[in-house]
Amino acid sequence: MEKKGPFTVKELKALPPGTQFWGKYLIIGKNQRKTKDGREIIDLRIADSSGEIYSVVWDSCSIHGELETGLVIGLLGDIGIYNQRLQVIAKRIKILDEDQRQYLRMPLTDMEQLVKEFDQILNSIADPNMKELLQRVFNPEIRARFFQAPAAKKIHHNYYGGLLEHSLSVAGLCNKAADSYPGINRDLLLTGALLHDIGKLVEYEMDVAPRYTPEGRLLGHIVLGNEMVAARINEMKNEGIEFPLELEWMIKHMLVSHHGSLEYGSPVLPLFTEAYILYAMDNLDARVFVFKNKIEEGDGDEEYFSKYDSFYGQHFFTFRLA
């Protein structure tokens, strides 16, 4: 192999085990431990804008500087396999004085365009009660946080702007569903799409990677989101603004049922059409994201299939038609 580097994380995943390379990456996770025989070892999660990968740093690795989460490093290493998982075996590491932002994964669509699409959807809501609620929920402070937040810790859209990107995708799918099925309340469906994951603003905090807050771990985004929306509705009522009781029930129900089943964290099942469509479109967008990423990674030992994924309990067929 002529090229030694720099390699992106995405390129690393296509290299055969034993290949030596170098590249520049952001440390997004660190765990220091000892092996059974007493050797010091550091497990790192390293990333760039193309993805992330695990790296193991043995005590024989030459390190220039102190390894900490959030630092950019230059790394010389080998590609290896451990427990059927691709990993980097670090040989030399040097701390670099570089802006971490260029190594963070972001939505493929420009953020300004995503914000424009968000405002178009919000402004399309004709029902005055739902429009007022959305404007109160998405006040300037919440808008700023919402546009930067991740949609998950690991599974899907787990990066800056991921929550906005996911919510817009769900709203777009819901819009198409409303075109296909007469009698659907489009305003209700789009309101649910924009609000369904609002609790993730409290569930996660974002540094260089998403991590749970204490509230997020204890309560989860479904409970937290319902509380946020309930607070805004109560605020309206306290100001003498009438908010229909049945509409309040329906919006709250869409938030708490959008995972579709008790098994996946919803305390109730979707009980009306718009609630079911929201659940289905939310699940569709998350699953398609996973399939696309698994296929793009192409890290399997077989020609047509990814490695077995224990989380999803399956292999992924990676061949794509031209």
Protein backbone atom coordinates (compact mmCIF):
# COMPACT_ATOMS: atom_id res chain seq x y z
CA MET A 1 0.00 0.00 0.00
CA GLU A 2 1.49 3.33 -1.08
CA LYS A 3 -0.59 5.65 1.05
CA LYS A 4 0.30 5.79 4.75
CA GLY A 5 -1.93 8.72 5.62
CA PRO A 6 -3.54 10.86 6.63
CA PHE A 7 -6.55 8.54 6.82
CA THR A 8 -10.04 9.49 7.90
CA VAL A 9 -11.97 7.19 10.25
CA LYS A 10 -14.17 6.11 7.36
CA GLU A 11 -11.07 5.12 5.38
CA LEU A 12 -9.64 3.27 8.39
CA LYS A 13 -12.65 0.98 8.47
CA ALA A 14 -11.87 -0.22 4.95
CA LEU A 15 -8.23 -1.08 5.70
CA PRO A 16 -7.20 -4.72 6.23
CA PRO A 17 -5.99 -5.75 9.73
CA GLY A 18 -2.26 -5.19 10.20
CA THR A 19 -2.15 -2.05 8.03
CA GLN A 20 -0.10 0.81 9.47
CA PHE A 21 -1.40 4.35 9.00
CA TRP A 22 -1.38 7.85 10.44
CA GLY A 23 -4.03 10.50 10.80
CA LYS A 24 -5.44 13.30 12.95
CA TYR A 25 -8.42 12.64 15.21
CA LEU A 26 -10.44 14.04 18.09
CA ILE A 27 -10.58 12.17 21.41
CA ILE A 28 -14.30 11.83 22.28
CA GLY A 29 -13.94 9.27 25.09
CA LYS A 30 -11.23 7.94 27.40
CA ASN A 31 -11.08 5.06 29.89
CA GLN A 32 -7.87 4.17 31.76
CA ARG A 33 -7.53 0.71 33.27
CA LYS A 34 -5.15 -2.12 34.13
CA THR A 35 -5.00 -5.57 32.58
CA LYS A 36 -5.03 -8.71 34.72
CA ASP A 37 -1.23 -8.83 34.58
CA GLY A 38 -0.96 -5.22 35.80
CA ARG A 39 -0.19 -3.44 32.50
CA GLU A 40 -1.54 0.08 32.07
CA ILE A 41 -3.92 0.49 29.15
CA ILE A 42 -6.02 3.39 27.84
CA ASP A 43 -9.12 2.87 25.74
CA LEU A 44 -9.90 5.82 23.50
CA ARG A 45 -12.84 6.66 21.27
CA ILE A 46 -11.42 8.76 18.47
CA ALA A 47 -13.35 10.52 15.73
CA ASP A 48 -13.36 12.91 12.83
CA SER A 49 -16.15 14.28 10.70
CA SER A 50 -16.48 10.91 8.90
CA GLY A 51 -17.14 8.72 11.96
CA GLU A 52 -15.61 7.21 15.09
CA ILE A 53 -13.55 4.16 16.04
CA TYR A 54 -12.02 2.63 19.17
CA SER A 55 -8.29 2.79 19.85
CA VAL A 56 -6.24 0.89 22.41
CA VAL A 57 -3.15 2.58 23.87
CA TRP A 58 -0.74 0.17 25.56
CA ASP A 59 2.01 1.30 27.95
CA SER A 60 4.52 0.77 25.13
CA CYS A 61 2.93 3.55 23.04
CA SER A 62 4.97 6.76 22.73
CA ILE A 63 2.76 9.64 23.94
CA HIS A 64 3.73 13.32 23.67
CA GLY A 65 1.35 15.20 25.95
CA GLU A 66 -1.53 14.26 28.27
CA LEU A 67 -4.44 12.41 26.68
CA GLU A 68 -7.77 14.04 27.54
CA THR A 69 -11.23 14.05 26.00
CA GLY A 70 -11.66 16.97 23.62
CA LEU A 71 -8.05 17.09 22.40
CA VAL A 72 -6.95 16.65 18.80
CA ILE A 73 -4.15 14.10 18.32
CA GLY A 74 -1.83 12.99 15.59
CA LEU A 75 -1.74 9.17 15.71
CA LEU A 76 0.44 6.51 14.11
CA GLY A 77 -1.07 3.07 14.52
CA ASP A 78 -2.08 -0.29 13.14
CA ILE A 79 -5.52 -1.60 12.29
CA GLY A 80 -6.45 -4.63 14.41
CA ILE A 81 -9.38 -6.86 15.32
CA TYR A 82 -10.40 -7.67 18.90
CA ASN A 83 -13.59 -9.56 19.83
CA GLN A 84 -14.70 -9.24 16.21
CA ARG A 85 -14.49 -5.45 16.47
CA LEU A 86 -12.21 -3.26 14.39
CA GLN A 87 -9.87 -1.15 16.50
CA VAL A 88 -6.77 0.99 16.25
CA ILE A 89 -3.59 -0.09 18.04
CA ALA A 90 -1.75 3.14 18.79
CA LYS A 91 2.03 3.25 18.29
CA ARG A 92 2.76 6.98 18.61
CA ILE A 93 0.49 9.84 19.71
CA LYS A 94 1.13 13.59 19.77
CA ILE A 95 -1.24 16.27 21.09
CA LEU A 96 -1.99 18.87 18.39
CA ASP A 97 -3.06 22.48 18.82
CA GLU A 98 -5.97 22.44 16.37
CA ASP A 99 -9.62 23.52 16.39
CA GLN A 100 -11.74 20.53 17.44
CA ARG A 101 -14.77 21.74 15.46
CA GLN A 102 -13.39 20.55 12.12
CA TYR A 103 -13.29 16.99 13.52
CA LEU A 104 -16.91 16.95 14.72
CA ARG A 105 -19.54 15.17 12.68
CA MET A 106 -22.28 17.47 11.42
CA PRO A 107 -25.41 17.07 9.28
CA LEU A 108 -24.69 16.71 5.57
CA THR A 109 -27.09 19.57 4.82
CA ASP A 110 -25.88 23.07 5.68
CA MET A 111 -27.18 24.19 9.08
CA GLU A 112 -28.56 27.46 7.70
CA GLN A 113 -30.69 25.47 5.26
CA LEU A 114 -31.92 23.19 8.06
CA VAL A 115 -32.91 26.18 10.20
CA LYS A 116 -34.74 27.68 7.21
CA GLU A 117 -36.67 24.41 6.73
CA PHE A 118 -37.54 24.35 10.44
CA ASP A 119 -38.99 27.86 10.28
CA GLN A 120 -40.97 27.00 7.15
CA ILE A 121 -42.60 24.04 8.90
CA LEU A 122 -43.31 26.02 12.07
CA ASN A 123 -44.80 28.90 10.05
CA SER A 124 -46.97 26.47 8.07
CA ILE A 125 -48.99 25.60 11.21
CA ALA A 126 -52.38 27.29 10.79
CA ASP A 127 -54.06 26.24 14.06
CA PRO A 128 -53.60 29.21 16.45
CA ASN A 129 -53.32 27.06 19.59
CA MET A 130 -50.62 24.82 18.17
CA LYS A 131 -48.75 27.75 16.62
CA GLU A 132 -48.74 29.62 19.94
CA LEU A 133 -47.53 26.52 21.77
CA LEU A 134 -44.72 25.93 19.29
CA GLN A 135 -43.58 29.55 19.46
CA ARG A 136 -43.47 29.36 23.26
CA VAL A 137 -41.62 26.04 23.33
CA PHE A 138 -39.13 27.18 20.70
CA ASN A 139 -38.21 30.47 22.33
CA PRO A 140 -34.80 31.95 21.38
CA GLU A 141 -32.92 30.03 24.08
CA ILE A 142 -34.54 26.67 23.23
CA ARG A 143 -34.09 27.27 19.49
CA ALA A 144 -30.34 27.75 19.96
CA ARG A 145 -30.06 24.56 22.01
CA PHE A 146 -32.36 22.58 19.70
CA PHE A 147 -30.33 23.48 16.61
CA GLN A 148 -27.11 22.17 18.19
CA ALA A 149 -28.40 19.14 20.10
CA PRO A 150 -27.82 15.46 19.23
CA ALA A 151 -30.76 13.12 18.69
CA ALA A 152 -29.18 10.21 20.56
CA LYS A 153 -26.08 9.14 22.47
CA LYS A 154 -25.05 6.43 19.99
CA ILE A 155 -27.80 4.95 17.83
CA HIS A 156 -28.80 7.62 15.31
CA HIS A 157 -28.07 11.30 14.55
CA ASN A 158 -25.69 11.39 17.54
CA TYR A 159 -23.86 14.60 16.63
CA TYR A 160 -24.20 18.39 16.59
CA GLY A 161 -27.39 19.33 14.76
CA GLY A 162 -28.58 15.71 14.77
CA LEU A 163 -31.81 16.46 16.64
CA LEU A 164 -32.77 19.19 14.17
CA GLU A 165 -31.89 16.98 11.19
CA HIS A 166 -33.88 14.02 12.57
CA SER A 167 -36.90 16.13 13.54
CA LEU A 168 -37.06 17.72 10.08
CA SER A 169 -36.80 14.31 8.43
CA VAL A 170 -39.64 12.99 10.60
CA ALA A 171 -41.72 16.09 9.82
CA GLY A 172 -41.10 15.61 6.09
CA LEU A 173 -42.21 11.97 6.27
CA CYS A 174 -45.29 12.96 8.29
CA ASN A 175 -46.14 15.62 5.69
CA LYS A 176 -46.06 12.99 2.93
CA ALA A 177 -48.20 10.65 5.03
CA ALA A 178 -50.77 13.43 5.46
CA ASP A 179 -50.90 13.75 1.66
CA SER A 180 -51.57 10.03 1.34
CA TYR A 181 -54.30 9.59 3.95
CA PRO A 182 -57.42 11.80 3.85
CA GLY A 183 -58.68 13.10 7.17
CA ILE A 184 -55.27 13.45 8.82
CA ASN A 185 -54.80 16.64 10.85
CA ARG A 186 -51.58 17.94 9.30
CA ASP A 187 -51.04 20.65 11.92
CA LEU A 188 -51.30 18.11 14.74
CA LEU A 189 -48.98 15.68 12.98
CA LEU A 190 -46.31 18.33 12.26
CA THR A 191 -46.59 19.73 15.80
CA GLY A 192 -45.93 16.24 17.13
CA ALA A 193 -42.98 15.81 14.75
CA LEU A 194 -41.29 19.01 15.93
CA LEU A 195 -41.95 18.32 19.62
CA HIS A 196 -41.59 14.54 19.94
CA ASP A 197 -37.90 14.59 20.99
CA ILE A 198 -37.81 17.99 22.69
CA GLY A 199 -36.95 16.27 26.00
CA LYS A 200 -33.56 15.34 24.58
CA LEU A 201 -32.45 18.90 25.25
CA VAL A 202 -32.50 17.91 28.93
CA GLU A 203 -31.67 14.22 28.51
CA TYR A 204 -28.27 14.89 26.91
CA GLU A 205 -25.51 17.42 27.21
CA MET A 206 -23.06 17.91 24.37
CA ASP A 207 -19.33 18.31 24.74
CA VAL A 208 -17.37 16.59 21.99
CA ALA A 209 -19.84 13.70 22.19
CA PRO A 210 -23.34 13.31 23.67
CA ARG A 211 -23.59 12.17 27.27
CA TYR A 212 -26.50 11.64 29.64
CA THR A 213 -27.40 14.23 32.23
CA PRO A 214 -28.51 12.96 35.66
CA GLU A 215 -32.11 13.93 34.80
CA GLY A 216 -31.80 12.22 31.45
CA ARG A 217 -30.67 8.97 32.99
CA LEU A 218 -33.28 9.06 35.75
CA LEU A 219 -36.31 10.20 33.75
CA GLY A 220 -35.64 9.87 30.01
CA HIS A 221 -36.60 12.25 27.22
CA ILE A 222 -40.23 11.09 26.97
CA VAL A 223 -41.04 12.19 30.52
CA LEU A 224 -38.87 15.31 30.25
CA GLY A 225 -40.42 16.36 26.94
CA ASN A 226 -43.94 15.92 28.27
CA GLU A 227 -43.05 18.10 31.26
CA MET A 228 -41.61 20.82 29.00
CA VAL A 229 -44.73 20.94 26.82
CA ALA A 230 -47.08 20.77 29.83
CA ALA A 231 -45.26 23.74 31.40
CA ARG A 232 -45.84 25.88 28.29
CA ILE A 233 -49.52 24.92 28.09
CA ASN A 234 -49.99 25.77 31.78
CA GLU A 235 -48.22 29.08 31.16
CA MET A 236 -50.74 29.91 28.44
CA LYS A 237 -53.66 28.99 30.69
CA ASN A 238 -52.27 31.13 33.52
CA GLU A 239 -52.21 34.07 31.11
CA GLY A 240 -55.87 33.50 30.27
CA ILE A 241 -55.21 31.93 26.87
CA GLU A 242 -57.68 29.11 26.30
CA PHE A 243 -56.12 25.83 25.23
CA PRO A 244 -58.58 23.04 24.28
CA LEU A 245 -58.39 20.16 26.75
CA GLU A 246 -58.72 17.48 24.03
CA LEU A 247 -55.88 19.06 22.03
CA GLU A 248 -53.70 19.05 25.16
CA TRP A 249 -54.43 15.35 25.64
CA MET A 250 -53.59 14.55 22.02
CA ILE A 251 -50.28 16.45 21.90
CA LYS A 252 -49.12 14.94 25.19
CA HIS A 253 -50.22 11.50 24.02
CA MET A 254 -48.17 11.84 20.84
CA LEU A 255 -45.08 12.65 22.89
CA VAL A 256 -45.47 9.78 25.34
CA SER A 257 -46.47 7.17 22.74
CA HIS A 258 -43.94 7.94 19.99
CA HIS A 259 -41.73 4.93 20.81
CA GLY A 260 -44.68 2.75 19.90
CA SER A 261 -44.65 0.16 22.69
CA LEU A 262 -44.00 -0.36 26.37
CA GLU A 263 -40.98 -2.50 25.44
CA TYR A 264 -39.26 0.50 23.88
CA GLY A 265 -40.03 3.02 26.59
CA SER A 266 -43.46 4.46 25.81
CA PRO A 267 -45.85 4.20 28.77
CA VAL A 268 -48.82 3.91 26.38
CA LEU A 269 -49.43 2.67 22.83
CA PRO A 270 -50.41 5.12 20.04
CA LEU A 271 -54.20 5.38 20.28
CA PHE A 272 -55.14 7.59 17.31
CA THR A 273 -54.00 7.86 13.71
CA GLU A 274 -51.68 10.87 13.96
CA ALA A 275 -49.96 9.35 17.00
CA TYR A 276 -49.37 6.10 15.13
CA ILE A 277 -48.03 7.88 12.04
CA LEU A 278 -45.62 9.88 14.21
CA TYR A 279 -44.35 6.68 15.84
CA ALA A 280 -43.97 4.96 12.45
CA MET A 281 -42.13 7.88 10.80
CA ASP A 282 -39.85 8.41 13.81
CA ASN A 283 -38.94 4.72 13.79
CA LEU A 284 -38.49 4.71 10.00
CA ASP A 285 -36.08 7.64 10.01
CA ALA A 286 -33.98 6.18 12.85
CA ARG A 287 -33.83 2.73 11.24
CA VAL A 288 -32.94 4.04 7.77
CA PHE A 289 -30.13 6.06 9.37
CA VAL A 290 -28.77 2.87 10.95
CA PHE A 291 -29.00 0.85 7.73
CA LYS A 292 -27.26 3.57 5.70
CA ASN A 293 -24.43 3.86 8.19
CA LYS A 294 -23.93 0.10 8.52
CA ILE A 295 -23.83 -0.27 4.74
CA GLU A 296 -21.42 2.66 4.32
CA GLU A 297 -19.08 1.33 7.00
CA GLY A 298 -18.69 -1.98 5.13
CA ASP A 299 -16.58 -3.46 7.93
CA GLY A 300 -17.59 -7.09 7.48
CA ASP A 301 -15.29 -10.02 6.73
CA GLU A 302 -17.74 -11.33 4.12
CA GLU A 303 -18.23 -9.83 0.67
CA TYR A 304 -21.92 -9.03 1.02
CA PHE A 305 -22.56 -8.71 4.76
CA SER A 306 -21.50 -6.56 7.68
CA LYS A 307 -20.23 -8.06 10.90
CA TYR A 308 -22.98 -9.40 13.18
CA ASP A 309 -24.42 -6.51 15.15
CA SER A 310 -25.31 -7.69 18.67
CA PHE A 311 -27.42 -4.58 19.39
CA TYR A 312 -29.72 -5.14 16.42
CA GLY A 313 -29.31 -8.91 16.39
CA GLN A 314 -28.53 -9.16 12.68
CA HIS A 315 -26.07 -8.80 9.82
CA PHE A 316 -26.59 -6.01 7.25
CA PHE A 317 -26.52 -6.73 3.50
CA THR A 318 -24.02 -4.19 2.17
CA PHE A 319 -24.24 -4.61 -1.62
CA ARG A 320 -25.75 -1.59 -3.42
CA LEU A 321 -27.05 -1.42 -6.98
CA ALA A 322 -25.28 1.16 -9.15
